[in-house]
């Protein structure tokens, strides 16, 4: 199942390739949303966009 938060990079730990070892970047402070931005974000979380199976597989590889 596709998790809607996967698209919001500021919530994720991203791996960086450095030679033979993988290091995680520190998670930045999560922004606080107000007003119309907060309403739009909440609506997007309630109704995530549908993606094709091909797109889902492509995103898993990244």
PDB file of N, CA and C in Angstrom:
ATOM      1  N   UNK A   1       0.845  -1.186   0.000  1.00  0.00           N
ATOM      2  CA  UNK A   1       0.000   0.000   0.000  1.00  0.00           C
ATOM      3  C   UNK A   1       0.884   1.241   0.000  1.00  0.00           C
ATOM      4  N   UNK A   2       0.541   2.194  -0.802  1.00  0.00           N
ATOM      5  CA  UNK A   2       1.293   3.448  -0.895  1.00  0.00           C
ATOM      6  C   UNK A   2       0.999   4.303   0.330  1.00  0.00           C
ATOM      7  N   UNK A   3       2.026   4.750   1.001  1.00  0.00           N
ATOM      8  CA  UNK A   3       1.857   5.612   2.172  1.00  0.00           C
ATOM      9  C   UNK A   3       1.964   7.063   1.732  1.00  0.00           C
ATOM     10  N   UNK A   4       0.967   7.909   2.041  1.00  0.00           N
ATOM     11  CA  UNK A   4       0.957   9.285   1.534  1.00  0.00           C
ATOM     12  C   UNK A   4       2.151  10.117   1.971  1.00  0.00           C
ATOM     13  N   UNK A   5       2.753   9.814   3.119  1.00  0.00           N
ATOM     14  CA  UNK A   5       3.866  10.622   3.590  1.00  0.00           C
ATOM     15  C   UNK A   5       5.153  10.374   2.819  1.00  0.00           C
ATOM     16  N   UNK A   6       5.195   9.314   2.014  1.00  0.00           N
ATOM     17  CA  UNK A   6       6.424   9.004   1.287  1.00  0.00           C
ATOM     18  C   UNK A   6       6.843  10.144   0.369  1.00  0.00           C
ATOM     19  N   UNK A   7       5.880  10.929  -0.092  1.00  0.00           N
ATOM     20  CA  UNK A   7       6.185  12.035  -0.996  1.00  0.00           C
ATOM     21  C   UNK A   7       6.758  13.245  -0.283  1.00  0.00           C
ATOM     22  N   UNK A   8       6.691  13.315   0.991  1.00  0.00           N
ATOM     23  CA  UNK A   8       7.145  14.484   1.734  1.00  0.00           C
ATOM     24  C   UNK A   8       8.533  14.210   2.297  1.00  0.00           C
ATOM     25  N   UNK A   9       9.535  14.670   1.556  1.00  0.00           N
ATOM     26  CA  UNK A   9      10.907  14.324   1.846  1.00  0.00           C
ATOM     27  C   UNK A   9      11.394  14.807   3.200  1.00  0.00           C
ATOM     28  N   UNK A  10      10.821  15.900   3.710  1.00  0.00           N
ATOM     29  CA  UNK A  10      11.289  16.403   4.987  1.00  0.00           C
ATOM     30  C   UNK A  10      10.914  15.474   6.125  1.00  0.00           C
ATOM     31  N   UNK A  11      10.077  14.482   5.895  1.00  0.00           N
ATOM     32  CA  UNK A  11       9.714  13.515   6.920  1.00  0.00           C
ATOM     33  C   UNK A  11      10.573  12.254   6.840  1.00  0.00           C
ATOM     34  N   UNK A  12      11.410  12.154   5.834  1.00  0.00           N
ATOM     35  CA  UNK A  12      12.150  10.920   5.579  1.00  0.00           C
ATOM     36  C   UNK A  12      13.636  11.065   5.881  1.00  0.00           C
ATOM     37  N   UNK A  13      14.252   9.962   6.204  1.00  0.00           N
ATOM     38  CA  UNK A  13      15.700   9.894   6.297  1.00  0.00           C
ATOM     39  C   UNK A  13      16.211   9.463   4.928  1.00  0.00           C
ATOM     40  N   UNK A  14      17.083  10.249   4.316  1.00  0.00           N
ATOM     41  CA  UNK A  14      17.577   9.944   2.983  1.00  0.00           C
ATOM     42  C   UNK A  14      19.004   9.416   3.109  1.00  0.00           C
ATOM     43  N   UNK A  15      19.281   8.308   2.417  1.00  0.00           N
ATOM     44  CA  UNK A  15      20.622   7.732   2.470  1.00  0.00           C
ATOM     45  C   UNK A  15      21.536   8.395   1.448  1.00  0.00           C
ATOM     46  N   UNK A  16      22.777   8.612   1.847  1.00  0.00           N
ATOM     47  CA  UNK A  16      23.789   9.180   0.964  1.00  0.00           C
ATOM     48  C   UNK A  16      24.877   8.120   0.794  1.00  0.00           C
ATOM     49  N   UNK A  17      25.246   7.858  -0.436  1.00  0.00           N
ATOM     50  CA  UNK A  17      26.334   6.910  -0.688  1.00  0.00           C
ATOM     51  C   UNK A  17      27.669   7.623  -0.504  1.00  0.00           C
ATOM     52  N   UNK A  18      28.489   7.099   0.372  1.00  0.00           N
ATOM     53  CA  UNK A  18      29.834   7.652   0.597  1.00  0.00           C
ATOM     54  C   UNK A  18      30.806   6.474   0.598  1.00  0.00           C
ATOM     55  N   UNK A  19      31.373   6.196  -0.542  1.00  0.00           N
ATOM     56  CA  UNK A  19      32.296   5.081  -0.631  1.00  0.00           C
ATOM     57  C   UNK A  19      31.563   3.770  -0.395  1.00  0.00           C
ATOM     58  N   UNK A  20      32.073   2.969   0.547  1.00  0.00           N
ATOM     59  CA  UNK A  20      31.465   1.673   0.839  1.00  0.00           C
ATOM     60  C   UNK A  20      30.404   1.744   1.924  1.00  0.00           C
ATOM     61  N   UNK A  21      30.273   2.891   2.595  1.00  0.00           N
ATOM     62  CA  UNK A  21      29.316   2.963   3.702  1.00  0.00           C
ATOM     63  C   UNK A  21      28.146   3.878   3.361  1.00  0.00           C
ATOM     64  N   UNK A  22      27.025   3.608   3.957  1.00  0.00           N
ATOM     65  CA  UNK A  22      25.843   4.454   3.806  1.00  0.00           C
ATOM     66  C   UNK A  22      25.683   5.280   5.070  1.00  0.00           C
ATOM     67  N   UNK A  23      25.391   6.554   4.884  1.00  0.00           N
ATOM     68  CA  UNK A  23      25.171   7.432   6.034  1.00  0.00           C
ATOM     69  C   UNK A  23      23.816   8.103   5.859  1.00  0.00           C
ATOM     70  N   UNK A  24      23.077   8.225   6.948  1.00  0.00           N
ATOM     71  CA  UNK A  24      21.782   8.906   6.886  1.00  0.00           C
ATOM     72  C   UNK A  24      21.975  10.382   7.200  1.00  0.00           C
ATOM     73  N   UNK A  25      21.277  11.220   6.440  1.00  0.00           N
ATOM     74  CA  UNK A  25      21.293  12.653   6.741  1.00  0.00           C
ATOM     75  C   UNK A  25      20.454  12.898   7.987  1.00  0.00           C
ATOM     76  N   UNK A  26      20.823  13.882   8.780  1.00  0.00           N
ATOM     77  CA  UNK A  26      19.962  14.217   9.915  1.00  0.00           C
ATOM     78  C   UNK A  26      18.620  14.743   9.407  1.00  0.00           C
ATOM     79  N   UNK A  27      17.565  14.439  10.132  1.00  0.00           N
ATOM     80  CA  UNK A  27      16.237  14.915   9.752  1.00  0.00           C
ATOM     81  C   UNK A  27      16.123  16.376  10.147  1.00  0.00           C
ATOM     82  N   UNK A  28      15.728  17.195   9.188  1.00  0.00           N
ATOM     83  CA  UNK A  28      15.554  18.623   9.466  1.00  0.00           C
ATOM     84  C   UNK A  28      14.306  18.832  10.300  1.00  0.00           C
ATOM     85  N   UNK A  29      14.238  19.979  10.929  1.00  0.00           N
ATOM     86  CA  UNK A  29      13.056  20.324  11.700  1.00  0.00           C
ATOM     87  C   UNK A  29      11.839  20.342  10.773  1.00  0.00           C
ATOM     88  N   UNK A  30      10.765  19.715  11.211  1.00  0.00           N
ATOM     89  CA  UNK A  30       9.545  19.657  10.409  1.00  0.00           C
ATOM     90  C   UNK A  30       8.843  21.005  10.440  1.00  0.00           C
ATOM     91  N   UNK A  31       8.536  21.559   9.285  1.00  0.00           N
ATOM     92  CA  UNK A  31       7.866  22.863   9.268  1.00  0.00           C
ATOM     93  C   UNK A  31       6.450  22.764   9.834  1.00  0.00           C
ATOM     94  N   UNK A  32       6.003  23.823  10.455  1.00  0.00           N
ATOM     95  CA  UNK A  32       4.645  23.910  10.977  1.00  0.00           C
ATOM     96  C   UNK A  32       3.828  24.701   9.966  1.00  0.00           C
ATOM     97  N   UNK A  33       2.709  24.140   9.555  1.00  0.00           N
ATOM     98  CA  UNK A  33       1.871  24.784   8.547  1.00  0.00           C
ATOM     99  C   UNK A  33       0.695  25.492   9.208  1.00  0.00           C
ATOM    100  N   UNK A  34       0.320  26.632   8.643  1.00  0.00           N
ATOM    101  CA  UNK A  34      -0.795  27.423   9.153  1.00  0.00           C
ATOM    102  C   UNK A  34      -1.722  27.793   8.007  1.00  0.00           C
ATOM    103  N   UNK A  35      -2.955  28.135   8.337  1.00  0.00           N
ATOM    104  CA  UNK A  35      -3.892  28.698   7.369  1.00  0.00           C
ATOM    105  C   UNK A  35      -4.163  27.799   6.186  1.00  0.00           C
ATOM    106  N   UNK A  36      -4.154  28.407   5.003  1.00  0.00           N
ATOM    107  CA  UNK A  36      -4.492  27.693   3.773  1.00  0.00           C
ATOM    108  C   UNK A  36      -3.509  26.562   3.486  1.00  0.00           C
ATOM    109  N   UNK A  37      -2.225  26.752   3.810  1.00  0.00           N
ATOM    110  CA  UNK A  37      -1.240  25.685   3.608  1.00  0.00           C
ATOM    111  C   UNK A  37      -1.601  24.460   4.437  1.00  0.00           C
ATOM    112  N   UNK A  38      -2.004  24.668   5.692  1.00  0.00           N
ATOM    113  CA  UNK A  38      -2.377  23.558   6.570  1.00  0.00           C
ATOM    114  C   UNK A  38      -3.624  22.848   6.047  1.00  0.00           C
ATOM    115  N   UNK A  39      -4.614  23.605   5.606  1.00  0.00           N
ATOM    116  CA  UNK A  39      -5.838  22.999   5.065  1.00  0.00           C
ATOM    117  C   UNK A  39      -5.536  22.191   3.803  1.00  0.00           C
ATOM    118  N   UNK A  40      -4.698  22.722   2.927  1.00  0.00           N
ATOM    119  CA  UNK A  40      -4.338  22.023   1.686  1.00  0.00           C
ATOM    120  C   UNK A  40      -3.573  20.728   2.000  1.00  0.00           C
ATOM    121  N   UNK A  41      -2.648  20.798   2.952  1.00  0.00           N
ATOM    122  CA  UNK A  41      -1.874  19.615   3.336  1.00  0.00           C
ATOM    123  C   UNK A  41      -2.799  18.535   3.905  1.00  0.00           C
ATOM    124  N   UNK A  42      -3.701  18.927   4.789  1.00  0.00           N
ATOM    125  CA  UNK A  42      -4.628  17.966   5.390  1.00  0.00           C
ATOM    126  C   UNK A  42      -5.499  17.307   4.318  1.00  0.00           C
ATOM    127  N   UNK A  43      -5.961  18.077   3.360  1.00  0.00           N
ATOM    128  CA  UNK A  43      -6.781  17.539   2.276  1.00  0.00           C
ATOM    129  C   UNK A  43      -5.974  16.561   1.425  1.00  0.00           C
ATOM    130  N   UNK A  44      -4.712  16.886   1.157  1.00  0.00           N
ATOM    131  CA  UNK A  44      -3.856  15.984   0.378  1.00  0.00           C
ATOM    132  C   UNK A  44      -3.619  14.674   1.120  1.00  0.00           C
ATOM    133  N   UNK A  45      -3.525  14.715   2.436  1.00  0.00           N
ATOM    134  CA  UNK A  45      -3.324  13.498   3.217  1.00  0.00           C
ATOM    135  C   UNK A  45      -4.585  12.631   3.225  1.00  0.00           C
ATOM    136  N   UNK A  46      -5.742  13.261   3.182  1.00  0.00           N
ATOM    137  CA  UNK A  46      -7.000  12.507   3.148  1.00  0.00           C
ATOM    138  C   UNK A  46      -7.222  11.847   1.796  1.00  0.00           C
ATOM    139  N   UNK A  47      -6.755  12.479   0.733  1.00  0.00           N
ATOM    140  CA  UNK A  47      -6.998  12.000  -0.629  1.00  0.00           C
ATOM    141  C   UNK A  47      -5.689  11.956  -1.418  1.00  0.00           C
ATOM    142  N   UNK A  48      -4.827  10.969  -1.130  1.00  0.00           N
ATOM    143  CA  UNK A  48      -3.561  10.893  -1.867  1.00  0.00           C
ATOM    144  C   UNK A  48      -3.808  10.591  -3.344  1.00  0.00           C
ATOM    145  N   UNK A  49      -2.899  11.089  -4.182  1.00  0.00           N
ATOM    146  CA  UNK A  49      -3.007  10.846  -5.620  1.00  0.00           C
ATOM    147  C   UNK A  49      -2.766   9.367  -5.911  1.00  0.00           C
ATOM    148  N   UNK A  50      -3.500   8.836  -6.862  1.00  0.00           N
ATOM    149  CA  UNK A  50      -3.306   7.453  -7.303  1.00  0.00           C
ATOM    150  C   UNK A  50      -2.114   7.431  -8.254  1.00  0.00           C
ATOM    151  N   UNK A  51      -1.257   6.425  -8.085  1.00  0.00           N
ATOM    152  CA  UNK A  51      -0.133   6.278  -9.002  1.00  0.00           C
ATOM    153  C   UNK A  51      -0.186   4.890  -9.628  1.00  0.00           C
ATOM    154  N   UNK A  52       0.380   4.767 -10.807  1.00  0.00           N
ATOM    155  CA  UNK A  52       0.373   3.487 -11.516  1.00  0.00           C
ATOM    156  C   UNK A  52       1.345   2.512 -10.853  1.00  0.00           C
ATOM    157  N   UNK A  53       1.164   1.229 -11.162  1.00  0.00           N
ATOM    158  CA  UNK A  53       2.075   0.209 -10.635  1.00  0.00           C
ATOM    159  C   UNK A  53       3.496   0.471 -11.111  1.00  0.00           C
ATOM    160  N   UNK A  54       3.636   0.937 -12.352  1.00  0.00           N
ATOM    161  CA  UNK A  54       4.965   1.218 -12.894  1.00  0.00           C
ATOM    162  C   UNK A  54       5.645   2.343 -12.113  1.00  0.00           C
ATOM    163  N   UNK A  55       4.885   3.388 -11.814  1.00  0.00           N
ATOM    164  CA  UNK A  55       5.447   4.511 -11.055  1.00  0.00           C
ATOM    165  C   UNK A  55       5.818   4.074  -9.642  1.00  0.00           C
ATOM    166  N   UNK A  56       4.984   3.251  -9.029  1.00  0.00           N
ATOM    167  CA  UNK A  56       5.272   2.756  -7.679  1.00  0.00           C
ATOM    168  C   UNK A  56       6.577   1.958  -7.672  1.00  0.00           C
ATOM    169  N   UNK A  57       6.755   1.082  -8.664  1.00  0.00           N
ATOM    170  CA  UNK A  57       7.984   0.288  -8.761  1.00  0.00           C
ATOM    171  C   UNK A  57       9.196   1.182  -9.002  1.00  0.00           C
ATOM    172  N   UNK A  58       9.035   2.203  -9.847  1.00  0.00           N
ATOM    173  CA  UNK A  58      10.137   3.131 -10.110  1.00  0.00           C
ATOM    174  C   UNK A  58      10.554   3.844  -8.825  1.00  0.00           C
ATOM    175  N   UNK A  59       9.583   4.265  -8.029  1.00  0.00           N
ATOM    176  CA  UNK A  59       9.889   4.976  -6.786  1.00  0.00           C
ATOM    177  C   UNK A  59      10.552   4.074  -5.758  1.00  0.00           C
ATOM    178  N   UNK A  60      10.211   2.795  -5.754  1.00  0.00           N
ATOM    179  CA  UNK A  60      10.833   1.855  -4.818  1.00  0.00           C
ATOM    180  C   UNK A  60      12.324   1.707  -5.101  1.00  0.00           C
ATOM    181  N   UNK A  61      12.714   1.836  -6.371  1.00  0.00           N
ATOM    182  CA  UNK A  61      14.113   1.660  -6.761  1.00  0.00           C
ATOM    183  C   UNK A  61      14.983   2.836  -6.349  1.00  0.00           C
ATOM    184  N   UNK A  62      14.374   3.989  -6.131  1.00  0.00           N
ATOM    185  CA  UNK A  62      15.135   5.204  -5.808  1.00  0.00           C
ATOM    186  C   UNK A  62      15.596   5.183  -4.381  1.00  0.00           C
TER     187      UNK A  62
END
